Structures are given as structure tokens and as C-alpha cells.
C-alpha atoms as a PDB file:
ATOM      1  CA  MET A   1       0.227  -0.308  -0.159  1.00  0.00           C
ATOM      2  CA  MET A   2       1.259   3.519  -1.425  1.00  0.00           C
ATOM      3  CA  SER A   3       1.624   6.192   1.677  1.00  0.00           C
ATOM      4  CA  ASP A   4       0.952   9.740   1.889  1.00  0.00           C
ATOM      5  CA  LYS A   5       4.864  10.146   1.151  1.00  0.00           C
ATOM      6  CA  ASN A   6       4.647   9.109  -2.318  1.00  0.00           C
ATOM      7  CA  LYS A   7       1.340  10.260  -3.250  1.00  0.00           C
ATOM      8  CA  ASP A   8       2.438  14.003  -2.237  1.00  0.00           C
ATOM      9  CA  ASP A   9       5.638  13.176  -4.295  1.00  0.00           C
ATOM     10  CA  LYS A  10       4.241  12.217  -7.166  1.00  0.00           C
ATOM     11  CA  SER A  11       2.025  15.366  -7.647  1.00  0.00           C
ATOM     12  CA  ASN A  12       4.192  18.428  -5.644  1.00  0.00           C
ATOM     13  CA  ILE A  13       8.003  19.343  -7.227  1.00  0.00           C
ATOM     14  CA  HIS A  14      10.796  19.543  -5.362  1.00  0.00           C
ATOM     15  CA  ILE A  15      14.102  20.576  -5.337  1.00  0.00           C
ATOM     16  CA  SER A  16      16.921  20.576  -2.986  1.00  0.00           C
ATOM     17  CA  ILE A  17      19.111  23.027  -3.616  1.00  0.00           C
ATOM     18  CA  SER A  18      22.754  23.655  -1.961  1.00  0.00           C
ATOM     19  CA  ASP A  19      24.160  26.090  -0.092  1.00  0.00           C
ATOM     20  CA  GLY A  20      26.326  27.776  -3.157  1.00  0.00           C
ATOM     21  CA  MET A  21      23.736  27.251  -5.427  1.00  0.00           C
ATOM     22  CA  PRO A  22      22.875  30.066  -7.457  1.00  0.00           C
ATOM     23  CA  ILE A  23      19.143  30.723  -7.582  1.00  0.00           C
ATOM     24  CA  GLU A  24      19.070  31.756 -10.685  1.00  0.00           C
ATOM     25  CA  LYS A  25      19.771  27.790 -11.336  1.00  0.00           C
ATOM     26  CA  ALA A  26      17.645  27.159  -9.001  1.00  0.00           C
ATOM     27  CA  LEU A  27      15.076  29.232 -11.119  1.00  0.00           C
ATOM     28  CA  ARG A  28      15.825  27.376 -13.994  1.00  0.00           C
ATOM     29  CA  LYS A  29      16.027  24.036 -12.748  1.00  0.00           C
ATOM     30  CA  PHE A  30      12.255  24.716 -10.949  1.00  0.00           C
ATOM     31  CA  LYS A  31      10.714  25.747 -14.364  1.00  0.00           C
ATOM     32  CA  ARG A  32      12.267  22.751 -16.617  1.00  0.00           C
ATOM     33  CA  MET A  33      10.782  21.092 -14.228  1.00  0.00           C
ATOM     34  CA  CYS A  34       7.571  22.606 -14.283  1.00  0.00           C
ATOM     35  CA  ASP A  35       7.802  22.414 -18.501  1.00  0.00           C
ATOM     36  CA  ASN A  36       8.462  18.637 -18.075  1.00  0.00           C
ATOM     37  CA  TYR A  37       5.499  18.125 -15.989  1.00  0.00           C
ATOM     38  CA  GLY A  38       3.115  19.635 -17.573  1.00  0.00           C
ATOM     39  CA  ILE A  39       2.752  21.942 -15.108  1.00  0.00           C
ATOM     40  CA  VAL A  40       1.872  25.080 -17.298  1.00  0.00           C
ATOM     41  CA  LYS A  41      -0.181  24.062 -20.317  1.00  0.00           C
ATOM     42  CA  GLU A  42      -2.428  22.686 -17.862  1.00  0.00           C
ATOM     43  CA  TYR A  43      -2.741  25.557 -16.242  1.00  0.00           C
ATOM     44  CA  ARG A  44      -3.664  26.793 -19.646  1.00  0.00           C
ATOM     45  CA  LYS A  45      -6.164  24.595 -20.512  1.00  0.00           C
ATOM     46  CA  ARG A  46      -8.412  25.035 -17.330  1.00  0.00           C
ATOM     47  CA  GLU A  47      -7.770  29.424 -17.517  1.00  0.00           C
ATOM     48  CA  SER A  48     -10.673  28.970 -19.545  1.00  0.00           C
ATOM     49  CA  TYR A  49     -13.965  26.915 -20.180  1.00  0.00           C
ATOM     50  CA  CYS A  50     -14.867  26.013 -23.341  1.00  0.00           C
ATOM     51  CA  LYS A  51     -17.856  23.994 -23.848  1.00  0.00           C
ATOM     52  CA  PRO A  52     -17.071  20.438 -25.326  1.00  0.00           C
ATOM     53  CA  SER A  53     -19.139  21.489 -28.749  1.00  0.00           C
ATOM     54  CA  VAL A  54     -16.845  24.512 -29.080  1.00  0.00           C
ATOM     55  CA  LYS A  55     -13.953  22.214 -28.906  1.00  0.00           C
ATOM     56  CA  LEU A  56     -14.644  20.011 -31.448  1.00  0.00           C
ATOM     57  CA  LYS A  57     -15.523  22.237 -33.697  1.00  0.00           C
ATOM     58  CA  GLU A  58     -12.301  23.683 -33.271  1.00  0.00           C
ATOM     59  CA  LYS A  59     -10.930  20.636 -33.353  1.00  0.00           C
ATOM     60  CA  LEU A  60     -12.069  19.832 -36.753  1.00  0.00           C
ATOM     61  CA  GLU A  61     -11.745  23.625 -38.441  1.00  0.00           C
ATOM     62  CA  ALA A  62      -7.801  22.449 -37.401  1.00  0.00           C
ATOM     63  CA  ALA A  63      -7.452  19.364 -38.861  1.00  0.00           C
ATOM     64  CA  GLU A  64      -9.292  21.408 -42.226  1.00  0.00           C
ATOM     65  CA  LYS A  65      -6.048  23.955 -41.731  1.00  0.00           C
ATOM     66  CA  ARG A  66      -3.620  20.762 -41.567  1.00  0.00           C
ATOM     67  CA  ARG A  67      -6.119  19.361 -44.996  1.00  0.00           C
ATOM     68  CA  LYS A  68      -5.209  22.278 -46.227  1.00  0.00           C
ATOM     69  CA  LYS A  69      -1.918  23.059 -45.738  1.00  0.00           C
ATOM     70  CA  ALA A  70      -0.538  19.513 -46.507  1.00  0.00           C
ATOM     71  CA  ILE A  71      -1.812  19.775 -49.619  1.00  0.00           C
ATOM     72  CA  THR A  72      -0.672  23.332 -50.791  1.00  0.00           C
ATOM     73  CA  LYS A  73       2.118  21.886 -49.925  1.00  0.00           C
ATOM     74  CA  ASN A  74       2.593  19.181 -51.927  1.00  0.00           C
ATOM     75  CA  THR A  75       1.532  20.915 -54.764  1.00  0.00           C
ATOM     76  CA  ARG A  76       3.252  23.683 -54.362  1.00  0.00           C
ATOM     77  CA  PHE A  77       6.566  21.373 -54.993  1.00  0.00           C
ATOM     78  CA  GLY A  78       5.717  18.133 -56.739  1.00  0.00           C
ATOM     79  CA  LYS A  79       5.368  19.210 -59.884  1.00  0.00           C
ATOM     80  CA  LYS A  80       8.784  19.503 -61.201  1.00  0.00           C
ATOM     81  CA  ILE A  81      10.298  20.329 -65.002  1.00  0.00           C
END
């Protein structure tokens, strides 16, 4: 069975800082760990609520945009003389 301490280790970021470590280096380490854990991405996702129907519409529009971009890229460079 998992103890409470192990649960906290997975959900929180802990950084060990030695006495001689500069604060700038510790901040860079913290930011890197936040990026690796996806904290900023999750925060931005939760910033505002978006209805499921709107999410689906945006997803379909993005797929259509990617498809059009791929088609124009292939036709533009596909023909050679």
C-alpha cells in the first residue's frame, strides 16, 4: 500500500538546493521541471472553460487547416520540369 508521502512526491515538485547554488540556477531547474510535468500546459488549459461542442468545432477546423496546408505544400513542390 502506498503511503501519503509517496502520493505527495508524485503530485508536487521538490527541488533540492545546496548552499552554494545560485538562485538563477534553481529557478531554471524549477521551470524545467514544470515544463516536464506539464504544469503550465495544464494551467492554460484550465484557465477558461470551453464547451465540448466548441472544442469539437475547433478540432475539426484545425484538422481541415492542416489538410489544406499539406495539399498546398505537396502541389507547390510536386511538379518539376
